[in-house]
C-alpha atoms as a PDB file:
ATOM      1  CA  MET A   1      -0.080   0.021  -0.021  1.00  0.00           C
ATOM      2  CA  LYS A   2       1.304   3.372  -0.973  1.00  0.00           C
ATOM      3  CA  ILE A   3       0.389   6.476   1.126  1.00  0.00           C
ATOM      4  CA  THR A   4       0.852   9.856  -0.543  1.00  0.00           C
ATOM      5  CA  ALA A   5       1.816  13.032   1.229  1.00  0.00           C
ATOM      6  CA  GLN A   6      -1.487  14.463   0.549  1.00  0.00           C
ATOM      7  CA  GLU A   7      -3.107  11.472   2.442  1.00  0.00           C
ATOM      8  CA  GLU A   8      -0.770  11.751   5.370  1.00  0.00           C
ATOM      9  CA  TYR A   9      -1.019  15.365   5.784  1.00  0.00           C
ATOM     10  CA  GLY A  10      -4.775  15.554   5.180  1.00  0.00           C
ATOM     11  CA  LEU A  11      -5.330  12.992   7.871  1.00  0.00           C
ATOM     12  CA  ARG A  12      -3.188  15.033  10.179  1.00  0.00           C
ATOM     13  CA  CYS A  13      -5.139  18.214   9.299  1.00  0.00           C
ATOM     14  CA  LEU A  14      -8.421  16.177  10.269  1.00  0.00           C
ATOM     15  CA  LEU A  15      -6.873  15.087  13.569  1.00  0.00           C
ATOM     16  CA  GLN A  16      -6.208  18.616  14.445  1.00  0.00           C
ATOM     17  CA  LEU A  17      -9.834  19.473  13.986  1.00  0.00           C
ATOM     18  CA  ALA A  18     -10.852  16.206  15.876  1.00  0.00           C
ATOM     19  CA  ARG A  19      -8.839  17.421  18.947  1.00  0.00           C
ATOM     20  CA  VAL A  20     -10.820  20.609  19.501  1.00  0.00           C
ATOM     21  CA  PRO A  21     -14.206  20.702  21.361  1.00  0.00           C
ATOM     22  CA  LYS A  22     -17.229  20.365  19.065  1.00  0.00           C
ATOM     23  CA  GLY A  23     -18.210  23.560  17.320  1.00  0.00           C
ATOM     24  CA  GLN A  24     -14.809  25.177  17.780  1.00  0.00           C
ATOM     25  CA  LEU A  25     -13.278  26.456  14.739  1.00  0.00           C
ATOM     26  CA  VAL A  26      -9.634  25.959  13.784  1.00  0.00           C
ATOM     27  CA  SER A  27      -7.948  28.303  11.262  1.00  0.00           C
ATOM     28  CA  VAL A  28      -5.695  27.309   8.461  1.00  0.00           C
ATOM     29  CA  ARG A  29      -2.911  29.124  10.019  1.00  0.00           C
ATOM     30  CA  GLU A  30      -3.203  27.384  13.278  1.00  0.00           C
ATOM     31  CA  ILE A  31      -3.156  23.988  11.632  1.00  0.00           C
ATOM     32  CA  ALA A  32      -0.378  24.848   9.171  1.00  0.00           C
ATOM     33  CA  GLU A  33       1.870  25.912  12.272  1.00  0.00           C
ATOM     34  CA  LYS A  34       1.094  22.827  14.216  1.00  0.00           C
ATOM     35  CA  GLU A  35       1.787  20.458  11.316  1.00  0.00           C
ATOM     36  CA  GLY A  36       4.829  22.370   9.907  1.00  0.00           C
ATOM     37  CA  LEU A  37       3.057  22.667   6.537  1.00  0.00           C
ATOM     38  CA  SER A  38       2.443  25.954   4.384  1.00  0.00           C
ATOM     39  CA  ALA A  39      -0.930  27.549   4.799  1.00  0.00           C
ATOM     40  CA  ALA A  40      -1.495  27.112   1.059  1.00  0.00           C
ATOM     41  CA  TYR A  41      -1.152  23.498   1.256  1.00  0.00           C
ATOM     42  CA  VAL A  42      -3.556  23.101   4.403  1.00  0.00           C
ATOM     43  CA  GLU A  43      -6.015  25.244   2.542  1.00  0.00           C
ATOM     44  CA  LYS A  44      -5.894  22.927  -0.468  1.00  0.00           C
ATOM     45  CA  LEU A  45      -6.197  19.833   1.695  1.00  0.00           C
ATOM     46  CA  LEU A  46      -9.066  21.277   3.699  1.00  0.00           C
ATOM     47  CA  ARG A  47     -10.814  22.202   0.352  1.00  0.00           C
ATOM     48  CA  LEU A  48     -10.635  18.528  -0.645  1.00  0.00           C
ATOM     49  CA  LEU A  49     -11.886  17.297   2.715  1.00  0.00           C
ATOM     50  CA  SER A  50     -14.792  19.931   2.467  1.00  0.00           C
ATOM     51  CA  ARG A  51     -15.785  18.838  -1.037  1.00  0.00           C
ATOM     52  CA  ALA A  52     -16.091  15.227   0.396  1.00  0.00           C
ATOM     53  CA  GLY A  53     -18.328  16.441   3.295  1.00  0.00           C
ATOM     54  CA  LEU A  54     -15.843  15.845   5.998  1.00  0.00           C
ATOM     55  CA  VAL A  55     -15.304  19.360   7.069  1.00  0.00           C
ATOM     56  CA  HIS A  56     -17.153  22.545   7.138  1.00  0.00           C
ATOM     57  CA  SER A  57     -15.648  26.042   6.528  1.00  0.00           C
ATOM     58  CA  VAL A  58     -16.786  29.320   8.044  1.00  0.00           C
ATOM     59  CA  ARG A  59     -15.599  32.427   6.266  1.00  0.00           C
ATOM     60  CA  GLY A  60     -14.499  35.607   8.123  1.00  0.00           C
ATOM     61  CA  VAL A  61     -11.994  37.085  10.357  1.00  0.00           C
ATOM     62  CA  LYS A  62     -12.966  34.670  13.147  1.00  0.00           C
ATOM     63  CA  GLY A  63     -13.657  31.801  10.635  1.00  0.00           C
ATOM     64  CA  GLY A  64     -11.941  28.597  10.333  1.00  0.00           C
ATOM     65  CA  TYR A  65     -12.851  24.669   9.965  1.00  0.00           C
ATOM     66  CA  THR A  66     -14.591  22.191  11.940  1.00  0.00           C
ATOM     67  CA  LEU A  67     -15.524  18.508  11.370  1.00  0.00           C
ATOM     68  CA  ASN A  68     -19.022  18.033   9.913  1.00  0.00           C
ATOM     69  CA  ARG A  69     -19.497  14.866  12.113  1.00  0.00           C
ATOM     70  CA  PRO A  70     -17.972  13.639  15.312  1.00  0.00           C
ATOM     71  CA  ALA A  71     -14.605  11.901  14.968  1.00  0.00           C
ATOM     72  CA  SER A  72     -16.287   8.690  16.026  1.00  0.00           C
ATOM     73  CA  GLN A  73     -18.304   8.701  12.857  1.00  0.00           C
ATOM     74  CA  LEU A  74     -15.483   9.629  10.359  1.00  0.00           C
ATOM     75  CA  THR A  75     -13.446   6.639   8.964  1.00  0.00           C
ATOM     76  CA  LEU A  76     -10.027   6.493   7.627  1.00  0.00           C
ATOM     77  CA  GLY A  77     -11.401   4.811   4.461  1.00  0.00           C
ATOM     78  CA  GLU A  78     -13.532   7.866   3.664  1.00  0.00           C
ATOM     79  CA  THR A  79     -10.551  10.122   4.665  1.00  0.00           C
ATOM     80  CA  ILE A  80      -8.200   8.247   2.128  1.00  0.00           C
ATOM     81  CA  GLN A  81     -10.912   8.265  -0.642  1.00  0.00           C
ATOM     82  CA  ALA A  82     -11.360  12.205  -0.153  1.00  0.00           C
ATOM     83  CA  LEU A  83      -7.702  12.840  -0.490  1.00  0.00           C
ATOM     84  CA  GLY A  84      -6.560  10.163  -3.063  1.00  0.00           C
ATOM     85  CA  ARG A  85      -7.300   6.612  -3.524  1.00  0.00           C
ATOM     86  CA  LEU A  86      -6.310   3.086  -2.427  1.00  0.00           C
ATOM     87  CA  GLU A  87      -4.549   1.370  -5.299  1.00  0.00           C
ATOM     88  CA  THR A  88      -6.765  -1.463  -6.599  1.00  0.00           C
ATOM     89  CA  THR A  89      -5.771  -4.831  -8.037  1.00  0.00           C
ATOM     90  CA  ASP A  90      -6.456  -3.628 -11.616  1.00  0.00           C
ATOM     91  CA  HIS A  91      -4.127  -0.745 -11.016  1.00  0.00           C
ATOM     92  CA  ILE A  92      -1.467  -3.048  -9.836  1.00  0.00           C
ATOM     93  CA  CYS A  93      -1.923  -5.467 -12.853  1.00  0.00           C
ATOM     94  CA  ARG A  94      -1.769  -2.764 -15.366  1.00  0.00           C
ATOM     95  CA  SER A  95       1.245  -1.164 -13.904  1.00  0.00           C
ATOM     96  CA  PHE A  96       3.471  -4.228 -14.118  1.00  0.00           C
ATOM     97  CA  THR A  97       3.279  -5.466 -17.670  1.00  0.00           C
ATOM     98  CA  GLY A  98       7.107  -6.062 -18.304  1.00  0.00           C
ATOM     99  CA  ASN A  99       7.824  -5.293 -21.997  1.00  0.00           C
ATOM    100  CA  GLU A 100       4.248  -6.172 -23.105  1.00  0.00           C
ATOM    101  CA  VAL A 101       1.118  -4.083 -23.550  1.00  0.00           C
ATOM    102  CA  ALA A 102      -0.712  -6.283 -21.057  1.00  0.00           C
ATOM    103  CA  CYS A 103       0.550  -8.749 -18.353  1.00  0.00           C
ATOM    104  CA  VAL A 104       1.384 -12.176 -19.731  1.00  0.00           C
ATOM    105  CA  HIS A 105      -0.496 -13.615 -16.772  1.00  0.00           C
ATOM    106  CA  PHE A 106      -3.652 -11.483 -17.405  1.00  0.00           C
ATOM    107  CA  THR A 107      -5.975 -14.489 -18.027  1.00  0.00           C
ATOM    108  CA  ASN A 108      -4.622 -16.785 -15.198  1.00  0.00           C
ATOM    109  CA  CYS A 109      -2.707 -15.104 -12.441  1.00  0.00           C
ATOM    110  CA  GLY A 110      -2.099 -16.455  -8.919  1.00  0.00           C
ATOM    111  CA  ILE A 111      -0.609 -13.316  -7.598  1.00  0.00           C
ATOM    112  CA  ARG A 112      -3.796 -11.291  -8.409  1.00  0.00           C
ATOM    113  CA  SER A 113      -5.535 -13.101  -5.507  1.00  0.00           C
ATOM    114  CA  VAL A 114      -2.971 -11.995  -3.074  1.00  0.00           C
ATOM    115  CA  TRP A 115      -3.335  -8.319  -4.187  1.00  0.00           C
ATOM    116  CA  SER A 116      -7.197  -8.597  -4.217  1.00  0.00           C
ATOM    117  CA  GLY A 117      -7.076 -10.059  -0.689  1.00  0.00           C
ATOM    118  CA  LEU A 118      -4.669  -7.455   0.585  1.00  0.00           C
ATOM    119  CA  THR A 119      -6.539  -4.623  -0.936  1.00  0.00           C
ATOM    120  CA  ALA A 120      -9.896  -5.777   0.589  1.00  0.00           C
ATOM    121  CA  TYR A 121      -8.284  -6.334   3.911  1.00  0.00           C
ATOM    122  CA  ILE A 122      -6.691  -2.908   3.933  1.00  0.00           C
ATOM    123  CA  GLN A 123     -10.051  -1.076   2.742  1.00  0.00           C
ATOM    124  CA  GLY A 124     -11.903  -2.880   5.312  1.00  0.00           C
ATOM    125  CA  PHE A 125      -9.536  -1.956   8.187  1.00  0.00           C
ATOM    126  CA  LEU A 126      -9.650   1.754   7.004  1.00  0.00           C
ATOM    127  CA  ASN A 127     -13.488   1.557   6.861  1.00  0.00           C
ATOM    128  CA  LYS A 128     -13.629   0.223  10.362  1.00  0.00           C
ATOM    129  CA  THR A 129     -11.216   2.510  11.801  1.00  0.00           C
ATOM    130  CA  THR A 130     -12.511   5.959  13.002  1.00  0.00           C
ATOM    131  CA  LEU A 131     -10.623   9.161  13.670  1.00  0.00           C
ATOM    132  CA  ASP A 132     -11.252   9.151  17.384  1.00  0.00           C
ATOM    133  CA  THR A 133      -9.273   5.797  17.418  1.00  0.00           C
ATOM    134  CA  LEU A 134      -6.153   7.913  16.668  1.00  0.00           C
ATOM    135  CA  LEU A 135      -6.604  10.607  19.304  1.00  0.00           C
ATOM    136  CA  ASP A 136      -4.777   8.933  22.178  1.00  0.00           C
ATOM    137  CA  ASN A 137      -1.115   8.589  22.505  1.00  0.00           C
ATOM    138  CA  GLU A 138       0.889   6.472  20.269  1.00  0.00           C
ATOM    139  CA  TYR A 139       1.227   3.539  22.737  1.00  0.00           C
ATOM    140  CA  GLU A 140      -2.625   3.372  23.343  1.00  0.00           C
ATOM    141  CA  VAL A 141      -3.321   3.509  19.702  1.00  0.00           C
ATOM    142  CA  SER A 142      -0.883   0.804  18.792  1.00  0.00           C
ATOM    143  CA  GLU A 143      -2.288  -1.336  21.608  1.00  0.00           C
ATOM    144  CA  ARG A 144      -5.849  -0.729  20.373  1.00  0.00           C
ATOM    145  CA  LEU A 145      -5.219  -1.349  16.744  1.00  0.00           C
ATOM    146  CA  GLY A 146      -2.824  -4.371  17.507  1.00  0.00           C
ATOM    147  CA  LYS A 147      -5.629  -6.075  19.420  1.00  0.00           C
ATOM    148  CA  ARG A 148      -8.071  -5.531  16.684  1.00  0.00           C
ATOM    149  CA  LEU A 149      -5.590  -6.945  14.130  1.00  0.00           C
ATOM    150  CA  GLY A 150      -4.826  -9.971  16.415  1.00  0.00           C
ATOM    151  CA  VAL A 151      -1.150  -9.017  16.685  1.00  0.00           C
ATOM    152  CA  ILE A 152      -1.135  -8.045  20.538  1.00  0.00           C
ATOM    153  CA  GLY A 153      -2.777  -9.674  23.492  1.00  0.00           C
ATOM    154  CA  ASN A 154      -3.128 -13.226  22.221  1.00  0.00           C
END
């Protein structure tokens, strides 16, 4: 799975909004300073998130951004979808054709099932993980997600 800068930074912007009390606005400048990003880039990311219905903007001197729904109702899946896309099996198969126009294994490929399974698993994980899951410290987030994945606490 490939994560782009846009997806990483957009998620970080959403988490900044998720950390403030409901209804409180956060300015582009505040987010940019806290995340070490340019205000122009943060504005671009928030515009994408706004178009997807994840955040709401309020214009004016005292304006800013807020989440459209509680962090417990916003998933990483819809965040990634708003900011980019998860690479699909079709994309993977079209990208690695060797010297041919199409992959020589296009009609019968054992590897495709691996990419399909991984893609489905990752998408399911992202769709079940809400923003509020990521608001604790790193250790607690790691423990919680590890248990869910069956990696910790068996």
